Amino acid sequence: MAIVTYSREAGTGLTPEELTMLEEAEKLPQVYDEDCPKLTSAQLAEFRPVYNAEGTPKRRERVFTVEAKVEEE
């Protein structure tokens, strides 16, 4: 299976071909395997929105601690 990436201009609608492709994709079964197992209810509950109510990305503060041992010669 290949990964296909599309891009389009903002504000443009889907072409009839794209609408047909999406309608056909809706009919395909969901396939789960060891690399992509079905998520449990608990796992699904852990998901959080990436965007806030205004539609802008949420930012989280990240703190990193780096410890280094410097040996003097």
PDB file of N, CA and C in Angstrom:
ATOM      1  N   MET A   1       0.846  -1.169   0.000  1.00  0.00           N
ATOM      2  CA  MET A   1       0.000   0.000   0.000  1.00  0.00           C
ATOM      3  C   MET A   1       0.896   1.237   0.000  1.00  0.00           C
ATOM      4  N   ALA A   2       0.532   2.234  -0.758  1.00  0.00           N
ATOM      5  CA  ALA A   2       1.323   3.452  -0.875  1.00  0.00           C
ATOM      6  C   ALA A   2       0.635   4.600  -0.144  1.00  0.00           C
ATOM      7  N   ILE A   3       1.437   5.563   0.270  1.00  0.00           N
ATOM      8  CA  ILE A   3       0.903   6.780   0.862  1.00  0.00           C
ATOM      9  C   ILE A   3       0.776   7.803  -0.254  1.00  0.00           C
ATOM     10  N   VAL A   4      -0.415   8.356  -0.415  1.00  0.00           N
ATOM     11  CA  VAL A   4      -0.670   9.342  -1.458  1.00  0.00           C
ATOM     12  C   VAL A   4      -0.956  10.673  -0.788  1.00  0.00           C
ATOM     13  N   THR A   5      -0.276  11.721  -1.230  1.00  0.00           N
ATOM     14  CA  THR A   5      -0.440  13.041  -0.647  1.00  0.00           C
ATOM     15  C   THR A   5      -0.969  13.994  -1.716  1.00  0.00           C
ATOM     16  N   TYR A   6      -1.981  14.768  -1.355  1.00  0.00           N
ATOM     17  CA  TYR A   6      -2.554  15.757  -2.250  1.00  0.00           C
ATOM     18  C   TYR A   6      -2.485  17.117  -1.580  1.00  0.00           C
ATOM     19  N   SER A   7      -2.430  18.148  -2.381  1.00  0.00           N
ATOM     20  CA  SER A   7      -2.538  19.505  -1.845  1.00  0.00           C
ATOM     21  C   SER A   7      -3.459  20.297  -2.769  1.00  0.00           C
ATOM     22  N   ARG A   8      -4.067  21.336  -2.223  1.00  0.00           N
ATOM     23  CA  ARG A   8      -4.975  22.153  -3.019  1.00  0.00           C
ATOM     24  C   ARG A   8      -4.981  23.566  -2.491  1.00  0.00           C
ATOM     25  N   GLU A   9      -5.466  24.461  -3.294  1.00  0.00           N
ATOM     26  CA  GLU A   9      -5.587  25.851  -2.892  1.00  0.00           C
ATOM     27  C   GLU A   9      -6.699  25.975  -1.852  1.00  0.00           C
ATOM     28  N   ALA A  10      -6.496  26.849  -0.878  1.00  0.00           N
ATOM     29  CA  ALA A  10      -7.515  27.075   0.143  1.00  0.00           C
ATOM     30  C   ALA A  10      -8.786  27.619  -0.511  1.00  0.00           C
ATOM     31  N   GLY A  11      -9.924  27.114  -0.076  1.00  0.00           N
ATOM     32  CA  GLY A  11     -11.210  27.605  -0.566  1.00  0.00           C
ATOM     33  C   GLY A  11     -11.716  26.918  -1.814  1.00  0.00           C
ATOM     34  N   THR A  12     -10.951  25.984  -2.378  1.00  0.00           N
ATOM     35  CA  THR A  12     -11.435  25.282  -3.562  1.00  0.00           C
ATOM     36  C   THR A  12     -12.175  24.027  -3.128  1.00  0.00           C
ATOM     37  N   GLY A  13     -13.193  23.669  -3.857  1.00  0.00           N
ATOM     38  CA  GLY A  13     -13.984  22.483  -3.522  1.00  0.00           C
ATOM     39  C   GLY A  13     -13.393  21.226  -4.142  1.00  0.00           C
ATOM     40  N   LEU A  14     -14.009  20.111  -3.844  1.00  0.00           N
ATOM     41  CA  LEU A  14     -13.570  18.838  -4.409  1.00  0.00           C
ATOM     42  C   LEU A  14     -14.112  18.682  -5.821  1.00  0.00           C
ATOM     43  N   THR A  15     -13.324  18.016  -6.663  1.00  0.00           N
ATOM     44  CA  THR A  15     -13.778  17.719  -8.021  1.00  0.00           C
ATOM     45  C   THR A  15     -14.737  16.529  -7.961  1.00  0.00           C
ATOM     46  N   PRO A  16     -15.530  16.317  -9.022  1.00  0.00           N
ATOM     47  CA  PRO A  16     -16.414  15.140  -9.037  1.00  0.00           C
ATOM     48  C   PRO A  16     -15.636  13.833  -8.879  1.00  0.00           C
ATOM     49  N   GLU A  17     -14.431  13.756  -9.453  1.00  0.00           N
ATOM     50  CA  GLU A  17     -13.610  12.548  -9.306  1.00  0.00           C
ATOM     51  C   GLU A  17     -13.225  12.325  -7.844  1.00  0.00           C
ATOM     52  N   GLU A  18     -12.856  13.401  -7.160  1.00  0.00           N
ATOM     53  CA  GLU A  18     -12.471  13.289  -5.752  1.00  0.00           C
ATOM     54  C   GLU A  18     -13.659  12.885  -4.887  1.00  0.00           C
ATOM     55  N   LEU A  19     -14.829  13.436  -5.182  1.00  0.00           N
ATOM     56  CA  LEU A  19     -16.029  13.046  -4.433  1.00  0.00           C
ATOM     57  C   LEU A  19     -16.332  11.567  -4.631  1.00  0.00           C
ATOM     58  N   THR A  20     -16.209  11.087  -5.857  1.00  0.00           N
ATOM     59  CA  THR A  20     -16.442   9.666  -6.146  1.00  0.00           C
ATOM     60  C   THR A  20     -15.431   8.803  -5.411  1.00  0.00           C
ATOM     61  N   MET A  21     -14.160   9.230  -5.403  1.00  0.00           N
ATOM     62  CA  MET A  21     -13.122   8.468  -4.720  1.00  0.00           C
ATOM     63  C   MET A  21     -13.438   8.365  -3.223  1.00  0.00           C
ATOM     64  N   LEU A  22     -13.890   9.462  -2.609  1.00  0.00           N
ATOM     65  CA  LEU A  22     -14.234   9.434  -1.187  1.00  0.00           C
ATOM     66  C   LEU A  22     -15.444   8.546  -0.916  1.00  0.00           C
ATOM     67  N   GLU A  23     -16.430   8.600  -1.796  1.00  0.00           N
ATOM     68  CA  GLU A  23     -17.616   7.749  -1.622  1.00  0.00           C
ATOM     69  C   GLU A  23     -17.240   6.273  -1.702  1.00  0.00           C
ATOM     70  N   GLU A  24     -16.352   5.923  -2.617  1.00  0.00           N
ATOM     71  CA  GLU A  24     -15.887   4.535  -2.738  1.00  0.00           C
ATOM     72  C   GLU A  24     -15.066   4.127  -1.521  1.00  0.00           C
ATOM     73  N   ALA A  25     -14.253   5.029  -1.005  1.00  0.00           N
ATOM     74  CA  ALA A  25     -13.431   4.721   0.169  1.00  0.00           C
ATOM     75  C   ALA A  25     -14.294   4.460   1.398  1.00  0.00           C
ATOM     76  N   GLU A  26     -15.436   5.151   1.503  1.00  0.00           N
ATOM     77  CA  GLU A  26     -16.348   4.923   2.637  1.00  0.00           C
ATOM     78  C   GLU A  26     -16.885   3.500   2.665  1.00  0.00           C
ATOM     79  N   LYS A  27     -16.959   2.870   1.514  1.00  0.00           N
ATOM     80  CA  LYS A  27     -17.516   1.516   1.414  1.00  0.00           C
ATOM     81  C   LYS A  27     -16.501   0.430   1.798  1.00  0.00           C
ATOM     82  N   LEU A  28     -15.208   0.774   1.850  1.00  0.00           N
ATOM     83  CA  LEU A  28     -14.183  -0.209   2.167  1.00  0.00           C
ATOM     84  C   LEU A  28     -14.213  -0.568   3.657  1.00  0.00           C
ATOM     85  N   PRO A  29     -13.914  -1.819   3.995  1.00  0.00           N
ATOM     86  CA  PRO A  29     -13.900  -2.207   5.411  1.00  0.00           C
ATOM     87  C   PRO A  29     -12.662  -1.663   6.117  1.00  0.00           C
ATOM     88  N   GLN A  30     -12.787  -1.441   7.417  1.00  0.00           N
ATOM     89  CA  GLN A  30     -11.627  -1.051   8.209  1.00  0.00           C
ATOM     90  C   GLN A  30     -10.804  -2.306   8.480  1.00  0.00           C
ATOM     91  N   VAL A  31      -9.497  -2.194   8.300  1.00  0.00           N
ATOM     92  CA  VAL A  31      -8.614  -3.339   8.466  1.00  0.00           C
ATOM     93  C   VAL A  31      -7.652  -3.049   9.611  1.00  0.00           C
ATOM     94  N   TYR A  32      -7.614  -3.941  10.588  1.00  0.00           N
ATOM     95  CA  TYR A  32      -6.713  -3.813  11.725  1.00  0.00           C
ATOM     96  C   TYR A  32      -5.685  -4.925  11.657  1.00  0.00           C
ATOM     97  N   ASP A  33      -4.457  -4.627  12.075  1.00  0.00           N
ATOM     98  CA  ASP A  33      -3.422  -5.653  12.141  1.00  0.00           C
ATOM     99  C   ASP A  33      -2.518  -5.354  13.326  1.00  0.00           C
ATOM    100  N   GLU A  34      -1.408  -6.079  13.459  1.00  0.00           N
ATOM    101  CA  GLU A  34      -0.540  -5.889  14.625  1.00  0.00           C
ATOM    102  C   GLU A  34       0.127  -4.518  14.622  1.00  0.00           C
ATOM    103  N   ASP A  35       0.324  -3.916  13.458  1.00  0.00           N
ATOM    104  CA  ASP A  35       0.909  -2.585  13.394  1.00  0.00           C
ATOM    105  C   ASP A  35      -0.121  -1.485  13.644  1.00  0.00           C
ATOM    106  N   CYS A  36      -1.377  -1.805  13.438  1.00  0.00           N
ATOM    107  CA  CYS A  36      -2.455  -0.830  13.623  1.00  0.00           C
ATOM    108  C   CYS A  36      -3.646  -1.552  14.264  1.00  0.00           C
ATOM    109  N   PRO A  37      -3.531  -1.887  15.558  1.00  0.00           N
ATOM    110  CA  PRO A  37      -4.620  -2.624  16.209  1.00  0.00           C
ATOM    111  C   PRO A  37      -5.809  -1.711  16.494  1.00  0.00           C
ATOM    112  N   LYS A  38      -6.956  -2.332  16.695  1.00  0.00           N
ATOM    113  CA  LYS A  38      -8.149  -1.579  17.057  1.00  0.00           C
ATOM    114  C   LYS A  38      -7.942  -1.020  18.461  1.00  0.00           C
ATOM    115  N   LEU A  39      -8.256   0.267  18.643  1.00  0.00           N
ATOM    116  CA  LEU A  39      -8.061   0.912  19.937  1.00  0.00           C
ATOM    117  C   LEU A  39      -9.194   0.571  20.894  1.00  0.00           C
ATOM    118  N   THR A  40      -8.856   0.453  22.167  1.00  0.00           N
ATOM    119  CA  THR A  40      -9.873   0.200  23.188  1.00  0.00           C
ATOM    120  C   THR A  40     -10.569   1.515  23.526  1.00  0.00           C
ATOM    121  N   SER A  41     -11.670   1.438  24.237  1.00  0.00           N
ATOM    122  CA  SER A  41     -12.387   2.642  24.671  1.00  0.00           C
ATOM    123  C   SER A  41     -11.497   3.521  25.541  1.00  0.00           C
ATOM    124  N   ALA A  42     -10.680   2.896  26.388  1.00  0.00           N
ATOM    125  CA  ALA A  42      -9.773   3.657  27.256  1.00  0.00           C
ATOM    126  C   ALA A  42      -8.726   4.397  26.425  1.00  0.00           C
ATOM    127  N   GLN A  43      -8.200   3.758  25.395  1.00  0.00           N
ATOM    128  CA  GLN A  43      -7.217   4.416  24.540  1.00  0.00           C
ATOM    129  C   GLN A  43      -7.849   5.573  23.764  1.00  0.00           C
ATOM    130  N   LEU A  44      -9.046   5.364  23.258  1.00  0.00           N
ATOM    131  CA  LEU A  44      -9.739   6.429  22.530  1.00  0.00           C
ATOM    132  C   LEU A  44     -10.035   7.623  23.426  1.00  0.00           C
ATOM    133  N   ALA A  45     -10.320   7.373  24.700  1.00  0.00           N
ATOM    134  CA  ALA A  45     -10.624   8.450  25.640  1.00  0.00           C
ATOM    135  C   ALA A  45      -9.411   9.328  25.924  1.00  0.00           C
ATOM    136  N   GLU A  46      -8.213   8.827  25.661  1.00  0.00           N
ATOM    137  CA  GLU A  46      -6.990   9.592  25.908  1.00  0.00           C
ATOM    138  C   GLU A  46      -6.711  10.632  24.825  1.00  0.00           C
ATOM    139  N   PHE A  47      -7.377  10.547  23.687  1.00  0.00           N
ATOM    140  CA  PHE A  47      -7.142  11.514  22.623  1.00  0.00           C
ATOM    141  C   PHE A  47      -7.627  12.891  23.048  1.00  0.00           C
ATOM    142  N   ARG A  48      -6.878  13.909  22.667  1.00  0.00           N
ATOM    143  CA  ARG A  48      -7.222  15.296  22.955  1.00  0.00           C
ATOM    144  C   ARG A  48      -7.154  16.095  21.664  1.00  0.00           C
ATOM    145  N   PRO A  49      -7.980  17.136  21.536  1.00  0.00           N
ATOM    146  CA  PRO A  49      -7.934  17.961  20.323  1.00  0.00           C
ATOM    147  C   PRO A  49      -6.586  18.651  20.166  1.00  0.00           C
ATOM    148  N   VAL A  50      -6.144  18.762  18.935  1.00  0.00           N
ATOM    149  CA  VAL A  50      -4.896  19.448  18.640  1.00  0.00           C
ATOM    150  C   VAL A  50      -5.148  20.951  18.531  1.00  0.00           C
ATOM    151  N   TYR A  51      -6.358  21.335  18.143  1.00  0.00           N
ATOM    152  CA  TYR A  51      -6.700  22.737  17.968  1.00  0.00           C
ATOM    153  C   TYR A  51      -7.672  23.180  19.057  1.00  0.00           C
ATOM    154  N   ASN A  52      -7.567  24.438  19.454  1.00  0.00           N
ATOM    155  CA  ASN A  52      -8.488  24.970  20.451  1.00  0.00           C
ATOM    156  C   ASN A  52      -9.769  25.462  19.764  1.00  0.00           C
ATOM    157  N   ALA A  53     -10.678  26.057  20.521  1.00  0.00           N
ATOM    158  CA  ALA A  53     -11.977  26.479  19.996  1.00  0.00           C
ATOM    159  C   ALA A  53     -11.854  27.523  18.893  1.00  0.00           C
ATOM    160  N   GLU A  54     -10.776  28.307  18.910  1.00  0.00           N
ATOM    161  CA  GLU A  54     -10.589  29.343  17.889  1.00  0.00           C
ATOM    162  C   GLU A  54      -9.998  28.783  16.599  1.00  0.00           C
ATOM    163  N   GLY A  55      -9.646  27.509  16.594  1.00  0.00           N
ATOM    164  CA  GLY A  55      -9.082  26.901  15.406  1.00  0.00           C
ATOM    165  C   GLY A  55      -7.583  27.076  15.263  1.00  0.00           C
ATOM    166  N   THR A  56      -6.938  27.529  16.315  1.00  0.00           N
ATOM    167  CA  THR A  56      -5.483  27.676  16.274  1.00  0.00           C
ATOM    168  C   THR A  56      -4.842  26.527  17.042  1.00  0.00           C
ATOM    169  N   PRO A  57      -3.632  26.146  16.657  1.00  0.00           N
ATOM    170  CA  PRO A  57      -2.986  25.014  17.335  1.00  0.00           C
ATOM    171  C   PRO A  57      -2.766  25.288  18.819  1.00  0.00           C
ATOM    172  N   LYS A  58      -3.006  24.252  19.615  1.00  0.00           N
ATOM    173  CA  LYS A  58      -2.705  24.350  21.042  1.00  0.00           C
ATOM    174  C   LYS A  58      -1.208  24.205  21.225  1.00  0.00           C
ATOM    175  N   ARG A  59      -0.671  24.918  22.173  1.00  0.00           N
ATOM    176  CA  ARG A  59       0.762  24.813  22.463  1.00  0.00           C
ATOM    177  C   ARG A  59       0.924  24.346  23.894  1.00  0.00           C
ATOM    178  N   ARG A  60       1.815  23.405  24.063  1.00  0.00           N
ATOM    179  CA  ARG A  60       2.109  22.917  25.404  1.00  0.00           C
ATOM    180  C   ARG A  60       3.522  23.309  25.751  1.00  0.00           C
ATOM    181  N   GLU A  61       3.708  23.658  27.006  1.00  0.00           N
ATOM    182  CA  GLU A  61       5.059  23.945  27.469  1.00  0.00           C
ATOM    183  C   GLU A  61       5.760  22.616  27.691  1.00  0.00           C
ATOM    184  N   ARG A  62       6.960  22.525  27.174  1.00  0.00           N
ATOM    185  CA  ARG A  62       7.731  21.302  27.349  1.00  0.00           C
ATOM    186  C   ARG A  62       9.006  21.646  28.101  1.00  0.00           C
ATOM    187  N   VAL A  63       9.273  20.876  29.107  1.00  0.00           N
ATOM    188  CA  VAL A  63      10.460  21.100  29.910  1.00  0.00           C
ATOM    189  C   VAL A  63      11.360  19.885  29.755  1.00  0.00           C
ATOM    190  N   PHE A  64      12.608  20.137  29.401  1.00  0.00           N
ATOM    191  CA  PHE A  64      13.579  19.069  29.231  1.00  0.00           C
ATOM    192  C   PHE A  64      14.694  19.261  30.241  1.00  0.00           C
ATOM    193  N   THR A  65      15.110  18.190  30.834  1.00  0.00           N
ATOM    194  CA  THR A  65      16.236  18.226  31.760  1.00  0.00           C
ATOM    195  C   THR A  65      17.353  17.387  31.164  1.00  0.00           C
ATOM    196  N   VAL A  66      18.508  18.001  31.061  1.00  0.00           N
ATOM    197  CA  VAL A  66      19.668  17.299  30.514  1.00  0.00           C
ATOM    198  C   VAL A  66      20.737  17.265  31.579  1.00  0.00           C
ATOM    199  N   GLU A  67      21.181  16.084  31.903  1.00  0.00           N
ATOM    200  CA  GLU A  67      22.248  15.941  32.877  1.00  0.00           C
ATOM    201  C   GLU A  67      23.502  15.473  32.152  1.00  0.00           C
ATOM    202  N   ALA A  68      24.594  16.115  32.445  1.00  0.00           N
ATOM    203  CA  ALA A  68      25.859  15.744  31.812  1.00  0.00           C
ATOM    204  C   ALA A  68      26.948  15.680  32.860  1.00  0.00           C
ATOM    205  N   LYS A  69      27.777  14.695  32.731  1.00  0.00           N
ATOM    206  CA  LYS A  69      28.902  14.561  33.646  1.00  0.00           C
ATOM    207  C   LYS A  69      30.142  14.998  32.876  1.00  0.00           C
ATOM    208  N   VAL A  70      30.810  16.004  33.385  1.00  0.00           N
ATOM    209  CA  VAL A  70      32.021  16.517  32.729  1.00  0.00           C
ATOM    210  C   VAL A  70      33.216  16.035  33.515  1.00  0.00           C
ATOM    211  N   GLU A  71      34.066  15.319  32.864  1.00  0.00           N
ATOM    212  CA  GLU A  71      35.268  14.824  33.516  1.00  0.00           C
ATOM    213  C   GLU A  71      36.425  15.747  33.179  1.00  0.00           C
ATOM    214  N   GLU A  72      37.092  16.217  34.205  1.00  0.00           N
ATOM    215  CA  GLU A  72      38.242  17.084  33.990  1.00  0.00           C
ATOM    216  C   GLU A  72      39.491  16.234  33.825  1.00  0.00           C
ATOM    217  N   GLU A  73      40.374  16.688  32.944  1.00  0.00           N
ATOM    218  CA  GLU A  73      41.606  15.925  32.696  1.00  0.00           C
ATOM    219  C   GLU A  73      42.713  16.343  33.616  1.00  0.00           C
TER     220      GLU A  73
END
